Amino acid sequence: MDYPRPVDDARARELLETARRRVESSLAELAGVDDDEPSQSPADQATQLADREVEEGLTERLRDELAAIERAEERLAQGTYGLSVESGEPIPDPRLEAIPWAERTAEEEKRR
């Protein structure tokens, strides 16, 4: 089935590739972060623990974003990129420019 394509394939590929490179680079940087030497100071230990928790949260968010990018690449290959996975309605171009892996319209995402 042919669907209207709000963003052309070349622009979509460019947006997704740029997003993929950014996420993969950030993940590589986080993987290369070494913990400081263990400290005997409770304050230092608390700071190190808080830093690790922030890094773990950021890593999880980036992995989720990478998975969404991969799903968007699949939709591009299938010819459904730029259409909501929920309603099939076109996702506005400005939203796709800002969030190329968007799976829903802004209104649908708010309701979700």
N, C-alpha and C. Protein backbone atom coordinates (compact mmCIF):
# COMPACT_ATOMS: atom_id res chain seq x y z
N MET A 1 0.83 -1.17 0.00
CA MET A 1 0.00 0.00 0.00
C MET A 1 0.88 1.24 0.00
N ASP A 2 0.55 2.22 -0.82
CA ASP A 2 1.32 3.46 -0.88
C ASP A 2 0.75 4.46 0.12
N TYR A 3 1.63 5.09 0.87
CA TYR A 3 1.25 6.08 1.85
C TYR A 3 1.84 7.42 1.43
N PRO A 4 1.20 8.53 1.81
CA PRO A 4 1.82 9.83 1.53
C PRO A 4 3.11 9.95 2.34
N ARG A 5 4.12 10.52 1.75
CA ARG A 5 5.43 10.63 2.41
C ARG A 5 5.68 12.08 2.79
N PRO A 6 5.53 12.45 4.06
CA PRO A 6 5.71 13.83 4.47
C PRO A 6 7.14 14.34 4.31
N VAL A 7 8.12 13.48 4.51
CA VAL A 7 9.53 13.85 4.37
C VAL A 7 10.12 12.92 3.33
N ASP A 8 10.88 13.48 2.37
CA ASP A 8 11.42 12.59 1.34
C ASP A 8 12.47 11.65 1.93
N ASP A 9 12.67 10.53 1.25
CA ASP A 9 13.55 9.47 1.75
C ASP A 9 14.98 9.95 2.01
N ALA A 10 15.52 10.76 1.11
CA ALA A 10 16.90 11.22 1.27
C ALA A 10 17.05 12.06 2.54
N ARG A 11 16.11 12.96 2.77
CA ARG A 11 16.17 13.80 3.97
C ARG A 11 15.98 12.94 5.23
N ALA A 12 15.07 11.99 5.18
CA ALA A 12 14.84 11.10 6.32
C ALA A 12 16.11 10.32 6.64
N ARG A 13 16.76 9.77 5.62
CA ARG A 13 18.00 9.02 5.84
C ARG A 13 19.06 9.90 6.49
N GLU A 14 19.17 11.14 5.98
CA GLU A 14 20.16 12.08 6.52
C GLU A 14 19.87 12.38 7.99
N LEU A 15 18.61 12.66 8.31
CA LEU A 15 18.24 12.96 9.69
C LEU A 15 18.51 11.77 10.61
N LEU A 16 18.14 10.59 10.17
CA LEU A 16 18.32 9.39 11.00
C LEU A 16 19.79 9.05 11.16
N GLU A 17 20.57 9.20 10.10
CA GLU A 17 22.00 8.89 10.18
C GLU A 17 22.70 9.86 11.14
N THR A 18 22.34 11.13 11.06
CA THR A 18 22.92 12.12 11.98
C THR A 18 22.56 11.78 13.42
N ALA A 19 21.30 11.42 13.65
CA ALA A 19 20.87 11.05 15.00
C ALA A 19 21.59 9.80 15.48
N ARG A 20 21.72 8.81 14.60
CA ARG A 20 22.40 7.56 14.95
C ARG A 20 23.86 7.84 15.34
N ARG A 21 24.56 8.63 14.55
CA ARG A 21 25.97 8.95 14.86
C ARG A 21 26.09 9.66 16.21
N ARG A 22 25.18 10.60 16.48
CA ARG A 22 25.22 11.33 17.74
C ARG A 22 25.01 10.38 18.92
N VAL A 23 24.01 9.50 18.82
CA VAL A 23 23.71 8.58 19.91
C VAL A 23 24.85 7.58 20.10
N GLU A 24 25.33 7.00 19.02
CA GLU A 24 26.42 6.03 19.13
C GLU A 24 27.68 6.67 19.70
N SER A 25 27.97 7.91 19.32
CA SER A 25 29.13 8.62 19.86
C SER A 25 28.96 8.85 21.36
N SER A 26 27.76 9.26 21.75
CA SER A 26 27.50 9.49 23.18
C SER A 26 27.62 8.20 23.98
N LEU A 27 27.10 7.12 23.44
CA LEU A 27 27.21 5.82 24.12
C LEU A 27 28.67 5.40 24.25
N ALA A 28 29.46 5.62 23.21
CA ALA A 28 30.88 5.27 23.26
C ALA A 28 31.61 6.10 24.31
N GLU A 29 31.27 7.37 24.39
CA GLU A 29 31.89 8.23 25.40
C GLU A 29 31.54 7.75 26.80
N LEU A 30 30.27 7.40 27.02
CA LEU A 30 29.86 6.92 28.34
C LEU A 30 30.53 5.59 28.68
N ALA A 31 30.72 4.74 27.69
CA ALA A 31 31.37 3.45 27.94
C ALA A 31 32.83 3.65 28.31
N GLY A 32 33.42 4.74 27.84
CA GLY A 32 34.83 5.01 28.11
C GLY A 32 35.08 5.76 29.39
N VAL A 33 34.02 6.14 30.08
CA VAL A 33 34.17 6.88 31.34
C VAL A 33 34.66 5.92 32.41
N ASP A 34 35.81 6.26 33.01
CA ASP A 34 36.35 5.44 34.09
C ASP A 34 35.91 6.03 35.42
N ASP A 35 35.61 5.15 36.34
CA ASP A 35 35.30 5.62 37.69
C ASP A 35 36.59 6.08 38.34
N ASP A 36 36.44 7.05 39.21
CA ASP A 36 37.61 7.52 39.96
C ASP A 36 38.05 6.41 40.91
N GLU A 37 39.23 6.58 41.44
CA GLU A 37 39.74 5.64 42.43
C GLU A 37 38.76 5.58 43.60
N PRO A 38 38.56 4.41 44.16
CA PRO A 38 37.68 4.32 45.33
C PRO A 38 38.17 5.24 46.43
N SER A 39 37.25 5.86 47.07
CA SER A 39 37.58 6.81 48.13
C SER A 39 37.07 6.27 49.46
N GLN A 40 37.74 6.63 50.49
CA GLN A 40 37.30 6.25 51.83
C GLN A 40 36.32 7.27 52.38
N SER A 41 36.25 8.44 51.76
CA SER A 41 35.37 9.49 52.24
C SER A 41 33.92 9.18 51.85
N PRO A 42 33.03 9.17 52.82
CA PRO A 42 31.62 8.92 52.50
C PRO A 42 31.05 9.94 51.51
N ALA A 43 31.50 11.18 51.60
CA ALA A 43 31.01 12.21 50.67
C ALA A 43 31.46 11.89 49.25
N ASP A 44 32.72 11.48 49.09
CA ASP A 44 33.22 11.12 47.76
C ASP A 44 32.49 9.89 47.22
N GLN A 45 32.25 8.92 48.09
CA GLN A 45 31.54 7.71 47.67
C GLN A 45 30.13 8.05 47.22
N ALA A 46 29.47 8.94 47.93
CA ALA A 46 28.11 9.34 47.56
C ALA A 46 28.11 10.05 46.21
N THR A 47 29.10 10.90 45.99
CA THR A 47 29.20 11.61 44.71
C THR A 47 29.45 10.63 43.58
N GLN A 48 30.35 9.67 43.80
CA GLN A 48 30.64 8.67 42.78
C GLN A 48 29.40 7.83 42.47
N LEU A 49 28.65 7.46 43.50
CA LEU A 49 27.44 6.69 43.30
C LEU A 49 26.41 7.50 42.50
N ALA A 50 26.24 8.75 42.85
CA ALA A 50 25.29 9.61 42.14
C ALA A 50 25.71 9.77 40.68
N ASP A 51 27.00 9.95 40.44
CA ASP A 51 27.50 10.08 39.07
C ASP A 51 27.22 8.81 38.27
N ARG A 52 27.45 7.65 38.87
CA ARG A 52 27.20 6.37 38.19
C ARG A 52 25.72 6.22 37.85
N GLU A 53 24.85 6.63 38.78
CA GLU A 53 23.41 6.52 38.53
C GLU A 53 22.99 7.43 37.38
N VAL A 54 23.55 8.62 37.32
CA VAL A 54 23.25 9.54 36.22
C VAL A 54 23.73 8.94 34.90
N GLU A 55 24.94 8.41 34.91
CA GLU A 55 25.49 7.79 33.68
C GLU A 55 24.65 6.60 33.25
N GLU A 56 24.21 5.78 34.19
CA GLU A 56 23.36 4.62 33.86
C GLU A 56 22.03 5.07 33.27
N GLY A 57 21.44 6.11 33.85
CA GLY A 57 20.18 6.64 33.33
C GLY A 57 20.34 7.20 31.94
N LEU A 58 21.43 7.92 31.72
CA LEU A 58 21.69 8.49 30.39
C LEU A 58 21.94 7.38 29.38
N THR A 59 22.69 6.37 29.77
CA THR A 59 22.95 5.24 28.88
C THR A 59 21.65 4.55 28.48
N GLU A 60 20.77 4.34 29.44
CA GLU A 60 19.49 3.70 29.15
C GLU A 60 18.66 4.56 28.19
N ARG A 61 18.62 5.87 28.42
CA ARG A 61 17.87 6.76 27.54
C ARG A 61 18.43 6.74 26.13
N LEU A 62 19.77 6.74 26.01
CA LEU A 62 20.40 6.70 24.69
C LEU A 62 20.13 5.37 23.98
N ARG A 63 20.14 4.27 24.72
CA ARG A 63 19.83 2.97 24.11
C ARG A 63 18.39 2.93 23.62
N ASP A 64 17.47 3.51 24.40
CA ASP A 64 16.07 3.60 23.97
C ASP A 64 15.95 4.44 22.70
N GLU A 65 16.68 5.54 22.67
CA GLU A 65 16.67 6.42 21.50
C GLU A 65 17.23 5.69 20.28
N LEU A 66 18.30 4.94 20.47
CA LEU A 66 18.89 4.18 19.36
C LEU A 66 17.90 3.14 18.84
N ALA A 67 17.19 2.48 19.73
CA ALA A 67 16.18 1.50 19.31
C ALA A 67 15.07 2.19 18.51
N ALA A 68 14.67 3.39 18.94
CA ALA A 68 13.64 4.14 18.20
C ALA A 68 14.15 4.55 16.83
N ILE A 69 15.43 4.90 16.74
CA ILE A 69 16.03 5.24 15.44
C ILE A 69 16.01 4.02 14.53
N GLU A 70 16.35 2.87 15.08
CA GLU A 70 16.32 1.63 14.29
C GLU A 70 14.92 1.32 13.79
N ARG A 71 13.91 1.54 14.64
CA ARG A 71 12.52 1.32 14.20
C ARG A 71 12.15 2.30 13.09
N ALA A 72 12.61 3.53 13.21
CA ALA A 72 12.34 4.53 12.16
C ALA A 72 13.00 4.13 10.85
N GLU A 73 14.22 3.59 10.93
CA GLU A 73 14.90 3.13 9.72
C GLU A 73 14.13 1.98 9.07
N GLU A 74 13.55 1.11 9.89
CA GLU A 74 12.73 0.02 9.37
C GLU A 74 11.48 0.56 8.68
N ARG A 75 10.85 1.57 9.31
CA ARG A 75 9.66 2.17 8.68
C ARG A 75 10.02 2.84 7.36
N LEU A 76 11.20 3.44 7.30
CA LEU A 76 11.66 4.07 6.06
C LEU A 76 11.79 3.00 4.97
N ALA A 77 12.39 1.88 5.31
CA ALA A 77 12.56 0.78 4.35
C ALA A 77 11.21 0.20 3.91
N GLN A 78 10.23 0.21 4.81
CA GLN A 78 8.91 -0.34 4.52
C GLN A 78 7.99 0.66 3.82
N GLY A 79 8.42 1.92 3.77
CA GLY A 79 7.59 2.93 3.12
C GLY A 79 6.57 3.58 4.02
N THR A 80 6.72 3.43 5.34
CA THR A 80 5.75 4.02 6.26
C THR A 80 6.37 5.09 7.16
N TYR A 81 7.59 5.51 6.85
CA TYR A 81 8.25 6.55 7.66
C TYR A 81 7.43 7.84 7.55
N GLY A 82 7.31 8.53 8.68
CA GLY A 82 6.59 9.79 8.69
C GLY A 82 5.11 9.65 8.97
N LEU A 83 4.69 8.42 9.18
CA LEU A 83 3.29 8.16 9.52
C LEU A 83 3.22 7.62 10.94
N SER A 84 2.23 8.05 11.67
CA SER A 84 2.06 7.60 13.05
C SER A 84 1.86 6.09 13.09
N VAL A 85 2.56 5.44 14.01
CA VAL A 85 2.37 4.00 14.21
C VAL A 85 1.05 3.72 14.90
N GLU A 86 0.47 4.75 15.48
CA GLU A 86 -0.79 4.59 16.20
C GLU A 86 -2.00 4.78 15.27
N SER A 87 -2.00 5.88 14.52
CA SER A 87 -3.18 6.24 13.73
C SER A 87 -2.96 6.17 12.22
N GLY A 88 -1.70 6.15 11.79
CA GLY A 88 -1.42 6.20 10.36
C GLY A 88 -1.46 7.61 9.79
N GLU A 89 -1.74 8.59 10.65
CA GLU A 89 -1.77 9.99 10.21
C GLU A 89 -0.34 10.48 9.97
N PRO A 90 -0.16 11.40 9.02
CA PRO A 90 1.18 11.96 8.78
C PRO A 90 1.69 12.72 10.01
N ILE A 91 2.94 12.53 10.30
CA ILE A 91 3.61 13.30 11.35
C ILE A 91 4.13 14.56 10.68
N PRO A 92 3.81 15.74 11.21
CA PRO A 92 4.24 16.98 10.57
C PRO A 92 5.76 17.07 10.37
N ASP A 93 6.15 17.64 9.23
CA ASP A 93 7.58 17.78 8.91
C ASP A 93 8.39 18.44 10.03
N PRO A 94 7.91 19.54 10.64
CA PRO A 94 8.72 20.15 11.71
C PRO A 94 9.02 19.17 12.86
N ARG A 95 8.07 18.30 13.17
CA ARG A 95 8.31 17.31 14.24
C ARG A 95 9.37 16.31 13.79
N LEU A 96 9.30 15.88 12.54
CA LEU A 96 10.29 14.91 12.04
C LEU A 96 11.67 15.55 11.92
N GLU A 97 11.72 16.83 11.62
CA GLU A 97 13.02 17.52 11.57
C GLU A 97 13.63 17.57 12.98
N ALA A 98 12.79 17.80 13.98
CA ALA A 98 13.28 17.90 15.36
C ALA A 98 13.54 16.54 15.98
N ILE A 99 12.65 15.57 15.69
CA ILE A 99 12.75 14.22 16.26
C ILE A 99 12.54 13.24 15.11
N PRO A 100 13.59 12.95 14.34
CA PRO A 100 13.42 12.12 13.14
C PRO A 100 12.90 10.71 13.42
N TRP A 101 13.03 10.24 14.64
CA TRP A 101 12.56 8.90 14.99
C TRP A 101 11.15 8.93 15.59
N ALA A 102 10.47 10.08 15.51
CA ALA A 102 9.12 10.20 16.08
C ALA A 102 8.21 9.11 15.52
N GLU A 103 7.48 8.47 16.42
CA GLU A 103 6.60 7.38 16.02
C GLU A 103 5.13 7.80 15.99
N ARG A 104 4.84 8.94 16.61
CA ARG A 104 3.47 9.41 16.72
C ARG A 104 3.43 10.92 16.51
N THR A 105 2.24 11.44 16.24
CA THR A 105 2.09 12.90 16.20
C THR A 105 2.27 13.43 17.62
N ALA A 106 2.49 14.71 17.74
CA ALA A 106 2.69 15.32 19.06
C ALA A 106 1.46 15.11 19.94
N GLU A 107 0.27 15.24 19.36
CA GLU A 107 -0.96 15.07 20.12
C GLU A 107 -1.07 13.63 20.65
N GLU A 108 -0.75 12.67 19.80
CA GLU A 108 -0.82 11.26 20.22
C GLU A 108 0.20 10.98 21.32
N GLU A 109 1.37 11.57 21.20
CA GLU A 109 2.41 11.35 22.21
C GLU A 109 1.99 11.94 23.54
N LYS A 110 1.34 13.10 23.51
CA LYS A 110 0.87 13.72 24.76
C LYS A 110 -0.16 12.82 25.45
N ARG A 111 -1.07 12.24 24.66
CA ARG A 111 -2.09 11.36 25.24
C ARG A 111 -1.48 10.08 25.79
N ARG A 112 -0.40 9.65 25.21
CA ARG A 112 0.26 8.41 25.61
C ARG A 112 0.87 8.59 26.96
